[in-house]
Amino acid sequence: MNLRERKKLEAWRAIRAAALKLFAERGYDAVNVEQIAAAANVSRATYFNYFASKEAVVFDQDPQERETLRAMMDARPTGESLWESLSAIMIGLNERLADRMPLQRRLKTQSPALAQSTQDFGEQFRADLTDWARNRAGDSLTTTLQLNLLSAATATAYQTWKPDEPFEEYLHRLRECLRQAGAGVSAL
């Protein structure tokens, strides 16, 4: 990464950190883009060079995260079953989100505007994971079923995680949902 790219990444991360700090202190609805830009020591225009909206600063993926997640996928052993790989990747992704996922969840419960946002931080990850799984196991009914079971297990763990529970409880539920779904996958 050259100097220009490093500076852009530092600016992106500084804006995100300033925004999340303000949201944690004041709540999502009480903070505007101008306040975020001021806290990050950038202009409003610079803010919008990095984030398309106020919601984006909460949900957008770190620019380096995609490569990290792809490396996580590629590191799975070739002899491992697809379900074991998918489960390990999903747990790894969620462990990487431990620093911001609880705040995102809390902000969604506190802000009707944010809860209604169509912003989805996992869209690119799902596309990359689908490509990876199909390259590994083929574009078959079983591959698609396992990807859908993975999404359902993850959604179930998230939906049953109460906002006042620690993040570790969410990870426990995720592992349990993946274990239960995996019991059905083993019959495929």
N, C-alpha and C. Protein backbone atom coordinates (compact mmCIF):
# COMPACT_ATOMS: atom_id res chain seq x y z
N MET A 1 0.85 -1.17 0.00
CA MET A 1 0.00 0.00 0.00
C MET A 1 0.90 1.24 0.00
N ASN A 2 0.66 2.12 -0.96
CA ASN A 2 1.49 3.32 -1.03
C ASN A 2 1.01 4.36 -0.01
N LEU A 3 1.75 5.44 0.08
CA LEU A 3 1.47 6.48 1.07
C LEU A 3 0.08 7.07 0.89
N ARG A 4 -0.31 7.36 -0.33
CA ARG A 4 -1.64 7.94 -0.60
C ARG A 4 -2.74 7.01 -0.11
N GLU A 5 -2.61 5.72 -0.42
CA GLU A 5 -3.62 4.75 0.01
C GLU A 5 -3.66 4.63 1.53
N ARG A 6 -2.49 4.66 2.17
CA ARG A 6 -2.46 4.60 3.64
C ARG A 6 -3.14 5.82 4.25
N LYS A 7 -2.89 7.00 3.68
CA LYS A 7 -3.52 8.23 4.18
C LYS A 7 -5.05 8.17 4.02
N LYS A 8 -5.52 7.66 2.90
CA LYS A 8 -6.96 7.52 2.68
C LYS A 8 -7.57 6.54 3.69
N LEU A 9 -6.88 5.45 3.93
CA LEU A 9 -7.37 4.46 4.90
C LEU A 9 -7.39 5.06 6.31
N GLU A 10 -6.36 5.81 6.65
CA GLU A 10 -6.32 6.48 7.97
C GLU A 10 -7.47 7.47 8.11
N ALA A 11 -7.76 8.21 7.05
CA ALA A 11 -8.86 9.18 7.09
C ALA A 11 -10.20 8.44 7.24
N TRP A 12 -10.40 7.38 6.47
CA TRP A 12 -11.62 6.58 6.57
C TRP A 12 -11.82 6.10 8.00
N ARG A 13 -10.77 5.53 8.56
CA ARG A 13 -10.86 4.99 9.92
C ARG A 13 -11.04 6.09 10.97
N ALA A 14 -10.43 7.24 10.78
CA ALA A 14 -10.59 8.35 11.73
C ALA A 14 -12.03 8.86 11.72
N ILE A 15 -12.61 8.96 10.53
CA ILE A 15 -14.00 9.41 10.44
C ILE A 15 -14.92 8.38 11.10
N ARG A 16 -14.72 7.11 10.80
CA ARG A 16 -15.55 6.06 11.40
C ARG A 16 -15.40 6.08 12.92
N ALA A 17 -14.18 6.16 13.43
CA ALA A 17 -13.95 6.16 14.88
C ALA A 17 -14.63 7.35 15.55
N ALA A 18 -14.51 8.52 14.94
CA ALA A 18 -15.15 9.72 15.50
C ALA A 18 -16.66 9.55 15.52
N ALA A 19 -17.22 9.01 14.44
CA ALA A 19 -18.67 8.81 14.37
C ALA A 19 -19.14 7.82 15.43
N LEU A 20 -18.49 6.69 15.53
CA LEU A 20 -18.92 5.68 16.50
C LEU A 20 -18.79 6.18 17.93
N LYS A 21 -17.76 6.97 18.19
CA LYS A 21 -17.60 7.56 19.53
C LYS A 21 -18.76 8.51 19.83
N LEU A 22 -19.08 9.37 18.88
CA LEU A 22 -20.20 10.29 19.08
C LEU A 22 -21.52 9.55 19.24
N PHE A 23 -21.74 8.53 18.42
CA PHE A 23 -22.98 7.75 18.53
C PHE A 23 -23.08 7.06 19.88
N ALA A 24 -21.97 6.53 20.35
CA ALA A 24 -21.97 5.85 21.65
C ALA A 24 -22.28 6.82 22.79
N GLU A 25 -21.77 8.04 22.67
CA GLU A 25 -21.97 9.05 23.72
C GLU A 25 -23.35 9.69 23.66
N ARG A 26 -23.83 10.01 22.46
CA ARG A 26 -25.04 10.83 22.32
C ARG A 26 -26.24 10.11 21.72
N GLY A 27 -25.97 8.98 21.07
CA GLY A 27 -27.04 8.30 20.34
C GLY A 27 -26.99 8.68 18.87
N TYR A 28 -27.46 7.80 18.04
CA TYR A 28 -27.39 7.99 16.59
C TYR A 28 -28.17 9.22 16.13
N ASP A 29 -29.40 9.35 16.59
CA ASP A 29 -30.27 10.43 16.12
C ASP A 29 -29.81 11.82 16.56
N ALA A 30 -29.01 11.89 17.61
CA ALA A 30 -28.58 13.18 18.14
C ALA A 30 -27.30 13.70 17.46
N VAL A 31 -26.76 12.95 16.52
CA VAL A 31 -25.50 13.33 15.87
C VAL A 31 -25.76 13.54 14.38
N ASN A 32 -25.18 14.60 13.83
CA ASN A 32 -25.31 14.82 12.39
C ASN A 32 -23.93 14.72 11.72
N VAL A 33 -23.95 14.73 10.40
CA VAL A 33 -22.72 14.58 9.61
C VAL A 33 -21.73 15.70 9.92
N GLU A 34 -22.22 16.92 10.10
CA GLU A 34 -21.33 18.03 10.39
C GLU A 34 -20.57 17.81 11.69
N GLN A 35 -21.25 17.28 12.70
CA GLN A 35 -20.60 16.99 13.98
C GLN A 35 -19.55 15.88 13.83
N ILE A 36 -19.87 14.88 13.03
CA ILE A 36 -18.90 13.81 12.78
C ILE A 36 -17.67 14.37 12.09
N ALA A 37 -17.89 15.16 11.04
CA ALA A 37 -16.77 15.75 10.30
C ALA A 37 -15.90 16.60 11.22
N ALA A 38 -16.54 17.41 12.06
CA ALA A 38 -15.78 18.26 12.99
C ALA A 38 -14.97 17.41 13.97
N ALA A 39 -15.58 16.36 14.50
CA ALA A 39 -14.87 15.49 15.45
C ALA A 39 -13.70 14.78 14.79
N ALA A 40 -13.82 14.48 13.51
CA ALA A 40 -12.74 13.82 12.76
C ALA A 40 -11.76 14.81 12.16
N ASN A 41 -12.04 16.12 12.34
CA ASN A 41 -11.18 17.18 11.83
C ASN A 41 -11.09 17.15 10.29
N VAL A 42 -12.27 16.92 9.66
CA VAL A 42 -12.36 16.96 8.21
C VAL A 42 -13.57 17.81 7.83
N SER A 43 -13.65 18.16 6.57
CA SER A 43 -14.80 18.94 6.10
C SER A 43 -15.97 18.00 5.81
N ARG A 44 -17.15 18.60 5.67
CA ARG A 44 -18.34 17.83 5.32
C ARG A 44 -18.13 17.15 3.96
N ALA A 45 -17.52 17.88 3.02
CA ALA A 45 -17.25 17.32 1.69
C ALA A 45 -16.31 16.11 1.79
N THR A 46 -15.30 16.21 2.65
CA THR A 46 -14.39 15.09 2.83
C THR A 46 -15.12 13.89 3.40
N TYR A 47 -16.01 14.14 4.36
CA TYR A 47 -16.82 13.05 4.92
C TYR A 47 -17.51 12.30 3.77
N PHE A 48 -18.14 13.03 2.87
CA PHE A 48 -18.89 12.40 1.79
C PHE A 48 -17.99 11.81 0.70
N ASN A 49 -16.70 12.13 0.72
CA ASN A 49 -15.76 11.43 -0.15
C ASN A 49 -15.56 9.99 0.31
N TYR A 50 -15.78 9.74 1.60
CA TYR A 50 -15.54 8.42 2.17
C TYR A 50 -16.82 7.65 2.47
N PHE A 51 -17.90 8.35 2.81
CA PHE A 51 -19.15 7.71 3.20
C PHE A 51 -20.31 8.36 2.46
N ALA A 52 -21.17 7.54 1.89
CA ALA A 52 -22.29 8.04 1.10
C ALA A 52 -23.41 8.63 1.94
N SER A 53 -23.46 8.26 3.22
CA SER A 53 -24.56 8.70 4.09
C SER A 53 -24.13 8.57 5.54
N LYS A 54 -24.99 9.01 6.41
CA LYS A 54 -24.75 8.84 7.85
C LYS A 54 -24.82 7.35 8.21
N GLU A 55 -25.74 6.62 7.61
CA GLU A 55 -25.87 5.19 7.87
C GLU A 55 -24.60 4.44 7.44
N ALA A 56 -24.00 4.89 6.36
CA ALA A 56 -22.82 4.21 5.82
C ALA A 56 -21.66 4.19 6.81
N VAL A 57 -21.52 5.24 7.60
CA VAL A 57 -20.41 5.27 8.57
C VAL A 57 -20.60 4.20 9.65
N VAL A 58 -21.82 3.78 9.86
CA VAL A 58 -22.11 2.71 10.83
C VAL A 58 -21.86 1.34 10.20
N PHE A 59 -22.26 1.17 8.95
CA PHE A 59 -22.30 -0.17 8.36
C PHE A 59 -21.24 -0.49 7.32
N ASP A 60 -20.65 0.50 6.67
CA ASP A 60 -19.68 0.19 5.61
C ASP A 60 -18.52 -0.63 6.15
N GLN A 61 -18.06 -1.52 5.30
CA GLN A 61 -16.96 -2.41 5.63
C GLN A 61 -15.63 -1.64 5.51
N ASP A 62 -14.73 -1.88 6.46
CA ASP A 62 -13.40 -1.31 6.39
C ASP A 62 -12.79 -1.67 5.03
N PRO A 63 -12.15 -0.73 4.35
CA PRO A 63 -11.61 -1.02 3.03
C PRO A 63 -10.66 -2.22 2.97
N GLN A 64 -9.98 -2.53 4.04
CA GLN A 64 -9.08 -3.68 4.04
C GLN A 64 -9.77 -4.98 4.46
N GLU A 65 -10.96 -4.88 4.98
CA GLU A 65 -11.66 -6.04 5.52
C GLU A 65 -11.95 -7.10 4.46
N ARG A 66 -12.27 -6.67 3.26
CA ARG A 66 -12.61 -7.63 2.21
C ARG A 66 -11.45 -8.58 1.93
N GLU A 67 -10.26 -8.03 1.84
CA GLU A 67 -9.09 -8.89 1.60
C GLU A 67 -8.83 -9.82 2.78
N THR A 68 -9.03 -9.32 3.97
CA THR A 68 -8.86 -10.15 5.17
C THR A 68 -9.85 -11.31 5.16
N LEU A 69 -11.10 -11.02 4.82
CA LEU A 69 -12.12 -12.07 4.79
C LEU A 69 -11.86 -13.07 3.67
N ARG A 70 -11.41 -12.59 2.53
CA ARG A 70 -11.06 -13.51 1.44
C ARG A 70 -9.90 -14.42 1.85
N ALA A 71 -8.93 -13.87 2.55
CA ALA A 71 -7.81 -14.68 3.03
C ALA A 71 -8.30 -15.73 4.03
N MET A 72 -9.27 -15.36 4.87
CA MET A 72 -9.85 -16.29 5.82
C MET A 72 -10.51 -17.46 5.07
N MET A 73 -11.21 -17.15 3.99
CA MET A 73 -11.85 -18.19 3.19
C MET A 73 -10.80 -19.10 2.55
N ASP A 74 -9.80 -18.49 1.94
CA ASP A 74 -8.77 -19.25 1.24
C ASP A 74 -7.92 -20.09 2.19
N ALA A 75 -7.90 -19.74 3.47
CA ALA A 75 -7.09 -20.48 4.44
C ALA A 75 -7.76 -21.78 4.92
N ARG A 76 -9.02 -21.99 4.58
CA ARG A 76 -9.71 -23.20 5.03
C ARG A 76 -9.10 -24.41 4.34
N PRO A 77 -8.88 -25.49 5.08
CA PRO A 77 -8.28 -26.70 4.49
C PRO A 77 -9.14 -27.28 3.38
N THR A 78 -8.51 -27.75 2.32
CA THR A 78 -9.26 -28.27 1.18
C THR A 78 -10.03 -29.54 1.52
N GLY A 79 -9.60 -30.33 2.46
CA GLY A 79 -10.29 -31.56 2.83
C GLY A 79 -11.45 -31.35 3.79
N GLU A 80 -11.60 -30.15 4.28
CA GLU A 80 -12.66 -29.85 5.23
C GLU A 80 -14.01 -29.81 4.51
N SER A 81 -15.05 -30.27 5.18
CA SER A 81 -16.38 -30.21 4.55
C SER A 81 -16.77 -28.75 4.34
N LEU A 82 -17.63 -28.55 3.35
CA LEU A 82 -18.08 -27.19 3.06
C LEU A 82 -18.75 -26.57 4.29
N TRP A 83 -19.58 -27.33 4.98
CA TRP A 83 -20.29 -26.80 6.15
C TRP A 83 -19.31 -26.39 7.25
N GLU A 84 -18.30 -27.22 7.51
CA GLU A 84 -17.30 -26.86 8.53
C GLU A 84 -16.58 -25.58 8.14
N SER A 85 -16.23 -25.46 6.88
CA SER A 85 -15.56 -24.24 6.41
C SER A 85 -16.47 -23.03 6.54
N LEU A 86 -17.72 -23.16 6.07
CA LEU A 86 -18.65 -22.04 6.15
C LEU A 86 -18.87 -21.61 7.60
N SER A 87 -19.01 -22.58 8.49
CA SER A 87 -19.22 -22.27 9.91
C SER A 87 -18.02 -21.55 10.50
N ALA A 88 -16.82 -22.05 10.21
CA ALA A 88 -15.60 -21.42 10.72
C ALA A 88 -15.44 -20.00 10.18
N ILE A 89 -15.75 -19.82 8.91
CA ILE A 89 -15.65 -18.48 8.31
C ILE A 89 -16.65 -17.54 8.97
N MET A 90 -17.88 -17.99 9.17
CA MET A 90 -18.91 -17.12 9.77
C MET A 90 -18.54 -16.76 11.21
N ILE A 91 -18.04 -17.72 11.96
CA ILE A 91 -17.62 -17.42 13.34
C ILE A 91 -16.44 -16.44 13.31
N GLY A 92 -15.49 -16.67 12.41
CA GLY A 92 -14.35 -15.76 12.28
C GLY A 92 -14.77 -14.35 11.93
N LEU A 93 -15.71 -14.22 10.99
CA LEU A 93 -16.22 -12.89 10.63
C LEU A 93 -16.84 -12.21 11.84
N ASN A 94 -17.69 -12.92 12.54
CA ASN A 94 -18.37 -12.32 13.68
C ASN A 94 -17.41 -11.97 14.81
N GLU A 95 -16.39 -12.77 15.02
CA GLU A 95 -15.39 -12.42 16.02
C GLU A 95 -14.67 -11.13 15.63
N ARG A 96 -14.46 -10.93 14.34
CA ARG A 96 -13.82 -9.70 13.86
C ARG A 96 -14.72 -8.48 14.07
N LEU A 97 -16.02 -8.70 14.18
CA LEU A 97 -16.97 -7.60 14.36
C LEU A 97 -17.23 -7.27 15.83
N ALA A 98 -16.54 -7.94 16.72
CA ALA A 98 -16.78 -7.77 18.17
C ALA A 98 -16.62 -6.33 18.63
N ASP A 99 -15.78 -5.55 17.96
CA ASP A 99 -15.54 -4.17 18.39
C ASP A 99 -16.66 -3.22 17.99
N ARG A 100 -17.46 -3.59 16.98
CA ARG A 100 -18.50 -2.64 16.56
C ARG A 100 -19.91 -3.22 16.50
N MET A 101 -20.05 -4.53 16.44
CA MET A 101 -21.38 -5.12 16.31
C MET A 101 -22.31 -4.82 17.50
N PRO A 102 -21.82 -4.89 18.73
CA PRO A 102 -22.72 -4.53 19.84
C PRO A 102 -23.21 -3.08 19.75
N LEU A 103 -22.33 -2.16 19.36
CA LEU A 103 -22.76 -0.76 19.21
C LEU A 103 -23.76 -0.63 18.07
N GLN A 104 -23.51 -1.28 16.96
CA GLN A 104 -24.45 -1.23 15.84
C GLN A 104 -25.83 -1.74 16.29
N ARG A 105 -25.84 -2.82 17.03
CA ARG A 105 -27.11 -3.39 17.52
C ARG A 105 -27.82 -2.40 18.44
N ARG A 106 -27.06 -1.83 19.36
CA ARG A 106 -27.65 -0.87 20.30
C ARG A 106 -28.18 0.35 19.57
N LEU A 107 -27.43 0.85 18.60
CA LEU A 107 -27.88 2.01 17.84
C LEU A 107 -29.16 1.70 17.06
N LYS A 108 -29.26 0.50 16.52
CA LYS A 108 -30.47 0.13 15.80
C LYS A 108 -31.69 0.09 16.73
N THR A 109 -31.49 -0.35 17.97
CA THR A 109 -32.63 -0.40 18.89
C THR A 109 -33.01 0.98 19.37
N GLN A 110 -32.07 1.92 19.38
CA GLN A 110 -32.33 3.28 19.86
C GLN A 110 -32.84 4.21 18.77
N SER A 111 -32.59 3.88 17.52
CA SER A 111 -32.91 4.80 16.43
C SER A 111 -33.85 4.15 15.42
N PRO A 112 -35.08 4.61 15.38
CA PRO A 112 -35.99 4.10 14.35
C PRO A 112 -35.47 4.33 12.93
N ALA A 113 -34.82 5.48 12.72
CA ALA A 113 -34.29 5.78 11.38
C ALA A 113 -33.21 4.77 10.98
N LEU A 114 -32.33 4.46 11.89
CA LEU A 114 -31.26 3.51 11.60
C LEU A 114 -31.82 2.10 11.46
N ALA A 115 -32.78 1.74 12.28
CA ALA A 115 -33.39 0.41 12.21
C ALA A 115 -34.07 0.19 10.87
N GLN A 116 -34.59 1.26 10.27
CA GLN A 116 -35.27 1.17 8.98
C GLN A 116 -34.31 1.26 7.80
N SER A 117 -33.05 1.54 8.08
CA SER A 117 -32.07 1.68 7.02
C SER A 117 -31.95 0.39 6.23
N THR A 118 -31.82 0.53 4.93
CA THR A 118 -31.63 -0.64 4.09
C THR A 118 -30.15 -0.95 3.92
N GLN A 119 -29.32 -0.19 4.57
CA GLN A 119 -27.88 -0.40 4.51
C GLN A 119 -27.56 -1.80 5.06
N ASP A 120 -26.74 -2.54 4.36
CA ASP A 120 -26.42 -3.90 4.78
C ASP A 120 -24.92 -4.11 4.66
N PHE A 121 -24.26 -4.17 5.81
CA PHE A 121 -22.81 -4.28 5.79
C PHE A 121 -22.33 -5.64 5.30
N GLY A 122 -23.20 -6.64 5.23
CA GLY A 122 -22.77 -7.98 4.86
C GLY A 122 -22.98 -8.34 3.41
N GLU A 123 -23.50 -7.42 2.62
CA GLU A 123 -23.83 -7.74 1.23
C GLU A 123 -22.62 -8.20 0.43
N GLN A 124 -21.51 -7.47 0.51
CA GLN A 124 -20.31 -7.83 -0.23
C GLN A 124 -19.73 -9.14 0.29
N PHE A 125 -19.74 -9.32 1.61
CA PHE A 125 -19.23 -10.55 2.19
C PHE A 125 -20.03 -11.75 1.68
N ARG A 126 -21.36 -11.65 1.67
CA ARG A 126 -22.19 -12.76 1.20
C ARG A 126 -21.88 -13.10 -0.26
N ALA A 127 -21.70 -12.08 -1.08
CA ALA A 127 -21.37 -12.33 -2.48
C ALA A 127 -20.02 -13.03 -2.60
N ASP A 128 -19.03 -12.57 -1.85
CA ASP A 128 -17.71 -13.20 -1.89
C ASP A 128 -17.77 -14.63 -1.36
N LEU A 129 -18.52 -14.84 -0.28
CA LEU A 129 -18.63 -16.18 0.30
C LEU A 129 -19.35 -17.13 -0.66
N THR A 130 -20.39 -16.64 -1.32
CA THR A 130 -21.10 -17.46 -2.30
C THR A 130 -20.17 -17.86 -3.44
N ASP A 131 -19.41 -16.92 -3.97
CA ASP A 131 -18.45 -17.23 -5.04
C ASP A 131 -17.43 -18.26 -4.56
N TRP A 132 -16.92 -18.05 -3.34
CA TRP A 132 -15.92 -18.97 -2.79
C TRP A 132 -16.51 -20.38 -2.64
N ALA A 133 -17.71 -20.48 -2.08
CA ALA A 133 -18.33 -21.79 -1.86
C ALA A 133 -18.61 -22.50 -3.18
N ARG A 134 -19.08 -21.76 -4.17
CA ARG A 134 -19.38 -22.38 -5.46
C ARG A 134 -18.12 -22.81 -6.19
N ASN A 135 -17.05 -22.04 -6.04
CA ASN A 135 -15.76 -22.45 -6.62
C ASN A 135 -15.23 -23.69 -5.93
N ARG A 136 -15.48 -23.79 -4.64
CA ARG A 136 -14.96 -24.92 -3.87
C ARG A 136 -15.80 -26.19 -4.05
N ALA A 137 -17.13 -26.04 -3.99
CA ALA A 137 -17.99 -27.22 -3.96
C ALA A 137 -18.89 -27.35 -5.18
N GLY A 138 -18.84 -26.39 -6.07
CA GLY A 138 -19.71 -26.44 -7.25
C GLY A 138 -20.99 -25.66 -7.03
N ASP A 139 -21.60 -25.30 -8.13
CA ASP A 139 -22.86 -24.55 -8.10
C ASP A 139 -24.00 -25.56 -8.08
N SER A 140 -24.24 -26.13 -6.92
CA SER A 140 -25.23 -27.20 -6.81
C SER A 140 -26.33 -26.82 -5.83
N LEU A 141 -27.35 -27.63 -5.82
CA LEU A 141 -28.44 -27.47 -4.86
C LEU A 141 -27.91 -27.53 -3.44
N THR A 142 -27.01 -28.46 -3.17
CA THR A 142 -26.47 -28.64 -1.81
C THR A 142 -25.65 -27.43 -1.38
N THR A 143 -24.86 -26.87 -2.27
CA THR A 143 -24.08 -25.67 -1.94
C THR A 143 -25.00 -24.51 -1.61
N THR A 144 -26.00 -24.30 -2.44
CA THR A 144 -26.95 -23.21 -2.21
C THR A 144 -27.71 -23.42 -0.91
N LEU A 145 -28.13 -24.65 -0.65
CA LEU A 145 -28.83 -24.96 0.60
C LEU A 145 -27.95 -24.66 1.81
N GLN A 146 -26.69 -25.04 1.75
CA GLN A 146 -25.79 -24.78 2.88
C GLN A 146 -25.58 -23.28 3.08
N LEU A 147 -25.45 -22.53 2.01
CA LEU A 147 -25.31 -21.07 2.14
C LEU A 147 -26.57 -20.47 2.76
N ASN A 148 -27.73 -20.95 2.37
CA ASN A 148 -28.98 -20.44 2.94
C ASN A 148 -29.13 -20.85 4.40
N LEU A 149 -28.72 -22.06 4.74
CA LEU A 149 -28.75 -22.49 6.15
C LEU A 149 -27.80 -21.64 6.99
N LEU A 150 -26.65 -21.32 6.44
CA LEU A 150 -25.70 -20.45 7.13
C LEU A 150 -26.32 -19.09 7.42
N SER A 151 -26.99 -18.52 6.43
CA SER A 151 -27.66 -17.23 6.63
C SER A 151 -28.77 -17.34 7.67
N ALA A 152 -29.55 -18.41 7.60
CA ALA A 152 -30.64 -18.60 8.56
C ALA A 152 -30.11 -18.78 9.98
N ALA A 153 -29.05 -19.55 10.13
CA ALA A 153 -28.47 -19.77 11.46
C ALA A 153 -27.92 -18.46 12.03
N THR A 154 -27.25 -17.69 11.19
CA THR A 154 -26.70 -16.41 11.63
C THR A 154 -27.82 -15.43 11.99
N ALA A 155 -28.84 -15.36 11.16
CA ALA A 155 -29.97 -14.47 11.44
C ALA A 155 -30.69 -14.87 12.72
N THR A 156 -30.83 -16.17 12.95
CA THR A 156 -31.50 -16.64 14.17
C THR A 156 -30.70 -16.25 15.40
N ALA A 157 -29.39 -16.43 15.35
CA ALA A 157 -28.55 -16.04 16.49
C ALA A 157 -28.67 -14.54 16.75
N TYR A 158 -28.65 -13.75 15.69
CA TYR A 158 -28.74 -12.29 15.84
C TYR A 158 -30.10 -11.87 16.37
N GLN A 159 -31.15 -12.44 15.83
CA GLN A 159 -32.51 -12.04 16.22
C GLN A 159 -32.83 -12.42 17.67
N THR A 160 -32.21 -13.46 18.17
CA THR A 160 -32.49 -13.89 19.55
C THR A 160 -31.51 -13.28 20.56
N TRP A 161 -30.52 -12.56 20.08
CA TRP A 161 -29.55 -11.88 20.94
C TRP A 161 -30.19 -10.59 21.45
N LYS A 162 -30.36 -10.50 22.73
CA LYS A 162 -30.98 -9.32 23.32
C LYS A 162 -29.97 -8.18 23.40
N PRO A 163 -30.42 -6.95 23.18
CA PRO A 163 -29.50 -5.80 23.16
C PRO A 163 -28.69 -5.62 24.45
N ASP A 164 -29.22 -6.10 25.57
CA ASP A 164 -28.49 -5.93 26.83
C ASP A 164 -27.57 -7.10 27.15
N GLU A 165 -27.54 -8.11 26.29
CA GLU A 165 -26.66 -9.26 26.53
C GLU A 165 -25.27 -8.99 25.96
N PRO A 166 -24.25 -9.59 26.57
CA PRO A 166 -22.90 -9.38 26.05
C PRO A 166 -22.71 -10.03 24.67
N PHE A 167 -21.73 -9.55 23.95
CA PHE A 167 -21.44 -10.07 22.62
C PHE A 167 -21.10 -11.56 22.66
N GLU A 168 -20.48 -12.00 23.74
CA GLU A 168 -20.12 -13.42 23.87
C GLU A 168 -21.37 -14.30 23.83
N GLU A 169 -22.49 -13.78 24.34
CA GLU A 169 -23.74 -14.55 24.28
C GLU A 169 -24.21 -14.70 22.84
N TYR A 170 -24.03 -13.66 22.04
CA TYR A 170 -24.35 -13.77 20.62
C TYR A 170 -23.48 -14.84 19.96
N LEU A 171 -22.17 -14.81 20.24
CA LEU A 171 -21.28 -15.81 19.64
C LEU A 171 -21.67 -17.22 20.07
N HIS A 172 -22.05 -17.37 21.34
CA HIS A 172 -22.51 -18.69 21.83
C HIS A 172 -23.74 -19.14 21.04
N ARG A 173 -24.69 -18.25 20.84
CA ARG A 173 -25.90 -18.59 20.08
C ARG A 173 -25.57 -18.90 18.63
N LEU A 174 -24.66 -18.15 18.06
CA LEU A 174 -24.26 -18.42 16.68
C LEU A 174 -23.67 -19.81 16.57
N ARG A 175 -22.76 -20.16 17.46
CA ARG A 175 -22.16 -21.50 17.43
C ARG A 175 -23.23 -22.58 17.58
N GLU A 176 -24.17 -22.36 18.48
CA GLU A 176 -25.24 -23.34 18.71
C GLU A 176 -26.14 -23.47 17.48
N CYS A 177 -26.50 -22.36 16.87
CA CYS A 177 -27.32 -22.40 15.66
C CYS A 177 -26.58 -23.12 14.53
N LEU A 178 -25.30 -22.85 14.38
CA LEU A 178 -24.51 -23.52 13.35
C LEU A 178 -24.38 -25.01 13.63
N ARG A 179 -24.24 -25.37 14.91
CA ARG A 179 -24.16 -26.78 15.28
C ARG A 179 -25.46 -27.50 14.93
N GLN A 180 -26.58 -26.88 15.30
CA GLN A 180 -27.87 -27.51 15.02
C GLN A 180 -28.13 -27.62 13.52
N ALA A 181 -27.82 -26.56 12.78
CA ALA A 181 -28.00 -26.62 11.32
C ALA A 181 -27.06 -27.64 10.71
N GLY A 182 -25.85 -27.72 11.26
CA GLY A 182 -24.87 -28.69 10.76
C GLY A 182 -25.29 -30.12 10.94
N ALA A 183 -26.09 -30.39 11.96
CA ALA A 183 -26.58 -31.75 12.17
C ALA A 183 -27.43 -32.19 10.99
N GLY A 184 -28.20 -31.27 10.44
CA GLY A 184 -28.99 -31.58 9.26
C GLY A 184 -28.14 -31.67 8.01
N VAL A 185 -27.11 -30.84 7.93
CA VAL A 185 -26.23 -30.84 6.77
C VAL A 185 -25.48 -32.16 6.66
N SER A 186 -25.12 -32.75 7.80
CA SER A 186 -24.34 -33.98 7.77
C SER A 186 -25.10 -35.11 7.09
N ALA A 187 -26.42 -35.01 7.01
CA ALA A 187 -27.21 -36.02 6.33
C ALA A 187 -27.23 -35.84 4.81
N LEU A 188 -26.75 -34.69 4.33
CA LEU A 188 -26.78 -34.43 2.87
C LEU A 188 -25.75 -35.24 2.12
